[in-house]
N, C-alpha and C. Protein backbone atom coordinates (compact mmCIF):
# COMPACT_ATOMS: atom_id res chain seq x y z
N UNK A 1 -72.03 10.12 -49.13
CA UNK A 1 -72.51 9.03 -48.89
C UNK A 1 -72.73 7.58 -49.79
N UNK A 2 -72.51 7.56 -51.09
CA UNK A 2 -72.11 5.94 -51.45
C UNK A 2 -71.56 5.48 -50.68
N UNK A 3 -69.93 6.47 -50.91
CA UNK A 3 -68.64 5.49 -49.57
C UNK A 3 -68.92 4.86 -48.44
N UNK A 4 -70.17 5.70 -47.90
CA UNK A 4 -70.48 4.11 -47.06
C UNK A 4 -71.10 3.21 -47.68
N UNK A 5 -72.08 3.26 -47.95
CA UNK A 5 -72.99 2.32 -48.45
C UNK A 5 -71.98 1.17 -49.10
N UNK A 6 -70.55 1.51 -50.04
CA UNK A 6 -69.98 0.74 -50.58
C UNK A 6 -68.73 0.18 -48.94
N UNK A 7 -69.01 0.77 -48.01
CA UNK A 7 -68.01 0.00 -47.46
C UNK A 7 -69.00 -0.81 -46.23
N UNK A 8 -69.94 -0.10 -46.01
CA UNK A 8 -71.18 -1.68 -45.44
C UNK A 8 -71.30 -2.67 -46.92
N UNK A 9 -71.39 -2.25 -47.75
CA UNK A 9 -71.69 -3.46 -48.71
C UNK A 9 -70.15 -4.75 -48.47
N UNK A 10 -68.87 -4.16 -48.63
CA UNK A 10 -67.63 -4.93 -48.45
C UNK A 10 -67.76 -5.45 -47.07
N UNK A 11 -67.94 -4.53 -46.50
CA UNK A 11 -68.26 -5.29 -44.75
C UNK A 11 -68.81 -6.46 -44.61
N UNK A 12 -70.61 -6.74 -45.75
CA UNK A 12 -71.51 -7.56 -45.63
C UNK A 12 -70.64 -8.86 -46.53
N UNK A 13 -70.11 -8.84 -47.43
CA UNK A 13 -69.60 -9.19 -48.09
C UNK A 13 -68.58 -10.14 -47.14
N UNK A 14 -67.31 -8.85 -46.47
CA UNK A 14 -65.89 -10.21 -46.00
C UNK A 14 -67.51 -10.63 -45.11
N UNK A 15 -68.13 -10.44 -44.36
CA UNK A 15 -68.71 -11.38 -43.30
C UNK A 15 -69.46 -12.79 -43.62
N UNK A 16 -70.00 -12.60 -44.83
CA UNK A 16 -70.68 -14.06 -45.71
C UNK A 16 -69.47 -14.90 -46.07
N UNK A 17 -68.40 -14.30 -46.26
CA UNK A 17 -66.83 -15.30 -46.70
C UNK A 17 -66.98 -16.21 -45.56
N UNK A 18 -66.18 -14.84 -44.25
CA UNK A 18 -66.18 -15.56 -42.97
C UNK A 18 -66.72 -16.13 -42.40
N UNK A 19 -68.19 -15.91 -42.66
CA UNK A 19 -69.32 -17.54 -42.50
C UNK A 19 -69.03 -18.47 -43.22
N UNK A 20 -68.98 -18.73 -44.60
CA UNK A 20 -68.38 -19.43 -45.36
C UNK A 20 -67.88 -20.22 -45.15
N UNK A 21 -66.93 -19.66 -44.59
CA UNK A 21 -65.08 -20.44 -44.67
C UNK A 21 -65.48 -20.93 -43.16
N UNK A 22 -66.24 -20.29 -41.72
CA UNK A 22 -66.21 -21.08 -40.73
C UNK A 22 -67.50 -22.51 -41.27
N UNK A 23 -68.21 -22.14 -42.02
CA UNK A 23 -69.24 -23.55 -42.30
C UNK A 23 -68.64 -24.56 -42.64
N UNK A 24 -67.78 -24.16 -43.50
CA UNK A 24 -66.93 -25.42 -43.90
C UNK A 24 -66.36 -25.54 -42.81
N UNK A 25 -65.23 -25.56 -41.85
CA UNK A 25 -64.59 -26.34 -41.04
C UNK A 25 -65.64 -26.53 -39.94
N UNK A 26 -66.93 -26.20 -39.46
CA UNK A 26 -67.93 -26.60 -38.59
C UNK A 26 -67.54 -28.12 -39.37
N UNK A 27 -68.35 -28.23 -40.90
CA UNK A 27 -68.65 -29.63 -41.88
C UNK A 27 -67.59 -30.16 -41.43
N UNK A 28 -66.13 -29.85 -41.73
CA UNK A 28 -64.91 -31.01 -41.41
C UNK A 28 -64.83 -31.00 -40.05
N UNK A 29 -64.81 -29.99 -39.95
CA UNK A 29 -64.73 -30.83 -38.42
C UNK A 29 -65.73 -32.04 -37.35
N UNK A 30 -66.78 -31.57 -38.33
CA UNK A 30 -68.09 -32.86 -38.04
C UNK A 30 -67.99 -33.98 -38.39
N UNK A 31 -67.17 -33.82 -39.24
CA UNK A 31 -66.65 -35.34 -40.11
C UNK A 31 -65.77 -35.97 -39.20
N UNK A 32 -64.58 -35.09 -38.95
CA UNK A 32 -63.56 -36.00 -38.34
C UNK A 32 -64.19 -35.55 -37.07
N UNK A 33 -65.13 -35.31 -35.91
CA UNK A 33 -65.65 -36.16 -34.88
C UNK A 33 -66.38 -37.66 -35.30
N UNK A 34 -67.03 -37.82 -36.13
CA UNK A 34 -67.92 -38.66 -36.66
C UNK A 34 -66.80 -39.93 -36.88
N UNK A 35 -65.68 -39.87 -37.45
CA UNK A 35 -64.97 -40.66 -38.37
C UNK A 35 -64.05 -41.14 -37.15
N UNK A 36 -63.71 -40.35 -35.96
CA UNK A 36 -63.44 -40.61 -34.21
C UNK A 36 -63.91 -41.60 -33.70
N UNK A 37 -65.41 -41.22 -34.09
CA UNK A 37 -65.80 -42.03 -33.03
C UNK A 37 -66.07 -43.22 -33.57
N UNK A 38 -65.81 -43.56 -34.91
CA UNK A 38 -66.30 -45.02 -35.19
C UNK A 38 -64.89 -45.88 -35.52
N UNK A 39 -63.60 -44.70 -35.30
CA UNK A 39 -62.60 -45.95 -35.17
C UNK A 39 -62.57 -46.09 -33.21
N UNK A 40 -62.75 -45.07 -32.81
CA UNK A 40 -62.61 -45.49 -31.27
C UNK A 40 -63.99 -47.06 -30.67
N UNK A 41 -65.08 -46.65 -31.86
CA UNK A 41 -65.83 -48.12 -31.42
C UNK A 41 -64.72 -49.34 -32.05
N UNK A 42 -64.81 -49.17 -33.34
CA UNK A 42 -63.69 -50.39 -33.41
C UNK A 42 -62.37 -50.86 -32.74
N UNK A 43 -61.86 -50.11 -31.61
CA UNK A 43 -60.54 -50.50 -31.10
C UNK A 43 -61.20 -51.10 -29.79
N UNK A 44 -62.84 -50.60 -29.46
CA UNK A 44 -63.65 -51.28 -28.63
C UNK A 44 -63.21 -52.76 -29.00
N UNK A 45 -64.02 -52.65 -30.07
CA UNK A 45 -64.01 -54.18 -30.70
C UNK A 45 -63.63 -55.10 -30.89
N UNK A 46 -62.20 -54.31 -31.53
CA UNK A 46 -60.86 -55.33 -31.93
C UNK A 46 -60.39 -55.60 -30.26
N UNK A 47 -60.63 -54.92 -29.44
CA UNK A 47 -59.97 -55.41 -28.25
C UNK A 47 -61.05 -56.49 -27.49
N UNK A 48 -62.27 -56.09 -27.47
CA UNK A 48 -63.50 -57.44 -27.31
C UNK A 48 -62.67 -58.54 -28.30
N UNK A 49 -62.22 -59.08 -29.55
CA UNK A 49 -61.80 -59.87 -30.03
C UNK A 49 -60.56 -60.39 -29.84
N UNK A 50 -60.25 -59.14 -29.40
CA UNK A 50 -58.56 -60.61 -28.51
C UNK A 50 -58.62 -60.55 -27.82
N UNK A 51 -59.79 -60.69 -26.50
CA UNK A 51 -60.25 -61.25 -25.42
C UNK A 51 -60.61 -62.88 -25.72
N UNK A 52 -61.45 -62.73 -26.94
CA UNK A 52 -62.18 -63.76 -27.43
C UNK A 52 -60.51 -64.69 -28.26
N UNK A 53 -59.72 -64.62 -28.55
CA UNK A 53 -58.77 -65.45 -28.69
C UNK A 53 -57.88 -66.31 -27.96
N UNK A 54 -58.13 -65.62 -26.51
CA UNK A 54 -56.58 -65.90 -25.78
C UNK A 54 -57.07 -67.97 -25.28
N UNK A 55 -58.76 -67.81 -25.73
CA UNK A 55 -58.58 -69.73 -25.56
C UNK A 55 -58.63 -70.44 -26.57
N UNK A 56 -57.71 -69.63 -27.89
CA UNK A 56 -57.66 -70.63 -28.43
C UNK A 56 -56.24 -70.87 -29.50
N UNK A 57 -56.17 -71.75 -28.09
CA UNK A 57 -54.27 -72.50 -27.90
C UNK A 57 -54.46 -73.66 -28.82
N UNK A 58 -53.49 -73.54 -29.56
CA UNK A 58 -53.88 -74.85 -30.53
C UNK A 58 -52.81 -76.33 -29.99
N UNK A 59 -51.90 -75.77 -28.90
CA UNK A 59 -50.68 -76.84 -28.37
C UNK A 59 -51.07 -77.53 -27.46
N UNK A 60 -52.47 -77.14 -26.59
CA UNK A 60 -53.26 -78.10 -25.88
C UNK A 60 -53.43 -78.73 -26.31
N UNK A 61 -54.43 -79.27 -27.57
CA UNK A 61 -54.96 -79.99 -27.93
C UNK A 61 -53.77 -81.08 -28.58
N UNK A 62 -52.46 -81.06 -29.05
CA UNK A 62 -51.45 -81.94 -29.79
C UNK A 62 -50.95 -81.95 -28.36
N UNK A 63 -51.37 -83.31 -27.96
CA UNK A 63 -50.62 -83.58 -26.53
C UNK A 63 -50.06 -84.70 -26.90
N UNK A 64 -49.83 -85.64 -27.78
CA UNK A 64 -49.12 -86.51 -28.67
C UNK A 64 -47.73 -86.47 -29.38
N UNK A 65 -47.92 -84.77 -29.50
CA UNK A 65 -45.96 -84.12 -29.83
C UNK A 65 -45.22 -83.78 -28.81
N UNK A 66 -44.02 -84.35 -29.22
CA UNK A 66 -42.70 -84.09 -28.55
C UNK A 66 -42.81 -82.50 -27.53
N UNK A 67 -42.77 -82.67 -26.44
CA UNK A 67 -42.27 -81.32 -25.36
C UNK A 67 -41.48 -80.25 -26.44
N UNK A 68 -40.61 -80.45 -27.05
CA UNK A 68 -39.89 -79.34 -27.63
C UNK A 68 -40.84 -79.03 -28.73
N UNK A 69 -40.91 -79.73 -29.47
CA UNK A 69 -42.27 -79.34 -30.23
C UNK A 69 -43.22 -77.80 -30.04
N UNK A 70 -43.88 -78.50 -29.47
CA UNK A 70 -44.92 -78.19 -28.14
C UNK A 70 -44.82 -77.01 -28.15
N UNK A 71 -43.57 -76.90 -27.41
CA UNK A 71 -42.69 -75.26 -26.52
C UNK A 71 -42.75 -74.11 -28.79
N UNK A 72 -41.88 -75.01 -28.71
CA UNK A 72 -41.89 -74.35 -30.56
C UNK A 72 -43.14 -73.67 -31.20
N UNK A 73 -44.27 -74.39 -30.67
CA UNK A 73 -45.42 -74.11 -31.81
C UNK A 73 -45.76 -72.65 -30.35
N UNK A 74 -45.33 -72.58 -29.19
CA UNK A 74 -45.88 -71.90 -28.38
C UNK A 74 -45.02 -70.79 -28.08
N UNK A 75 -43.80 -70.49 -28.54
CA UNK A 75 -43.18 -69.11 -29.05
C UNK A 75 -43.01 -68.56 -30.17
N UNK A 76 -43.26 -69.31 -31.30
CA UNK A 76 -43.74 -68.14 -32.71
C UNK A 76 -45.31 -68.02 -32.88
N UNK A 77 -46.21 -68.15 -31.53
CA UNK A 77 -47.24 -68.15 -31.61
C UNK A 77 -48.55 -69.07 -32.50
N UNK A 78 -48.65 -70.32 -32.74
CA UNK A 78 -48.91 -70.36 -33.36
C UNK A 78 -50.67 -70.37 -32.90
N UNK A 79 -50.74 -70.72 -32.10
CA UNK A 79 -52.29 -70.29 -31.31
C UNK A 79 -52.91 -68.85 -31.53
N UNK A 80 -52.07 -68.11 -31.26
CA UNK A 80 -52.79 -66.69 -31.92
C UNK A 80 -53.24 -66.37 -33.37
N UNK A 81 -51.66 -67.35 -33.65
CA UNK A 81 -52.15 -67.16 -35.72
C UNK A 81 -53.59 -68.16 -35.31
N UNK A 82 -53.51 -69.36 -34.94
CA UNK A 82 -55.25 -69.81 -35.46
C UNK A 82 -55.99 -68.89 -35.23
N UNK A 83 -56.01 -68.13 -34.24
CA UNK A 83 -56.91 -67.15 -33.79
C UNK A 83 -57.39 -66.07 -34.51
N UNK A 84 -56.28 -65.73 -35.23
CA UNK A 84 -56.73 -64.51 -36.16
C UNK A 84 -57.50 -65.14 -36.98
N UNK A 85 -56.78 -66.37 -37.89
CA UNK A 85 -57.27 -66.70 -39.07
C UNK A 85 -59.45 -67.50 -38.85
N UNK A 86 -59.05 -68.38 -37.56
CA UNK A 86 -60.90 -68.40 -37.68
C UNK A 86 -61.58 -67.58 -36.62
N UNK A 87 -60.87 -65.78 -37.02
CA UNK A 87 -61.98 -64.63 -36.27
C UNK A 87 -61.94 -64.12 -38.14
N UNK A 88 -61.01 -63.95 -38.91
CA UNK A 88 -61.21 -63.47 -39.98
C UNK A 88 -62.24 -64.74 -41.02
N UNK A 89 -62.34 -65.45 -40.92
CA UNK A 89 -62.98 -66.12 -41.50
C UNK A 89 -64.54 -66.22 -41.31
N UNK A 90 -64.70 -66.75 -39.85
CA UNK A 90 -65.22 -65.64 -39.19
C UNK A 90 -66.55 -64.35 -40.17
N UNK A 91 -65.48 -63.34 -39.57
CA UNK A 91 -66.04 -61.86 -40.10
C UNK A 91 -66.31 -62.19 -42.16
N UNK A 92 -65.35 -62.73 -42.77
CA UNK A 92 -66.20 -62.91 -43.96
C UNK A 92 -67.03 -64.03 -43.77
N UNK A 93 -67.49 -64.52 -43.53
CA UNK A 93 -68.95 -65.56 -43.06
C UNK A 93 -70.32 -64.42 -42.59
N UNK A 94 -70.25 -63.74 -42.06
CA UNK A 94 -70.78 -62.52 -41.33
C UNK A 94 -71.25 -61.55 -42.74
N UNK A 95 -70.55 -61.76 -43.34
CA UNK A 95 -70.26 -61.06 -44.62
C UNK A 95 -71.06 -61.27 -45.64
N UNK A 96 -70.36 -62.39 -45.76
CA UNK A 96 -71.49 -63.04 -47.44
C UNK A 96 -73.24 -63.71 -46.50
N UNK A 97 -73.98 -63.09 -45.53
CA UNK A 97 -74.91 -62.95 -45.03
C UNK A 97 -75.43 -62.65 -45.07
N UNK A 98 -74.59 -60.65 -45.29
CA UNK A 98 -75.50 -60.10 -45.80
C UNK A 98 -75.90 -59.29 -46.93
N UNK A 99 -77.33 -59.50 -47.86
CA UNK A 99 -77.57 -59.33 -48.76
C UNK A 99 -76.71 -58.50 -50.18
N UNK A 100 -76.12 -58.10 -51.18
CA UNK A 100 -75.45 -57.80 -51.96
C UNK A 100 -74.03 -57.64 -51.46
N UNK A 101 -73.11 -58.07 -50.65
CA UNK A 101 -72.66 -57.52 -50.05
C UNK A 101 -71.11 -59.52 -50.88
N UNK A 102 -70.79 -59.23 -51.63
CA UNK A 102 -70.03 -59.96 -52.18
C UNK A 102 -68.83 -59.29 -52.52
N UNK A 103 -67.67 -59.28 -51.28
CA UNK A 103 -66.40 -58.58 -51.62
C UNK A 103 -65.40 -59.68 -52.13
N UNK A 104 -64.99 -60.23 -53.65
CA UNK A 104 -64.42 -60.95 -53.87
C UNK A 104 -64.57 -62.71 -53.34
N UNK A 105 -65.41 -62.76 -53.14
CA UNK A 105 -65.89 -64.28 -53.20
C UNK A 105 -67.00 -64.37 -53.49
């Protein structure tokens, strides 16, 4: 009689242990899913930022420079670099507007 009870008790302990491991797996998968959704949202936002930088071409405003210089500026991507700098400064400005967020500045 006690062997049957001990076997059922061990079965219950094994079941509870399996449930605990499954719960940890569920929580881990939920964390990964939330992280994946946040990263995909960030990728969508960065795709939009890239389309904002298409109009920032510095070489079109430098008509007084020789054509060779303008060509070199367009080859090295100065327009895209200036767009990235403006975007970074804009993000920094908006982060400064949030109270209690002063990240190194």
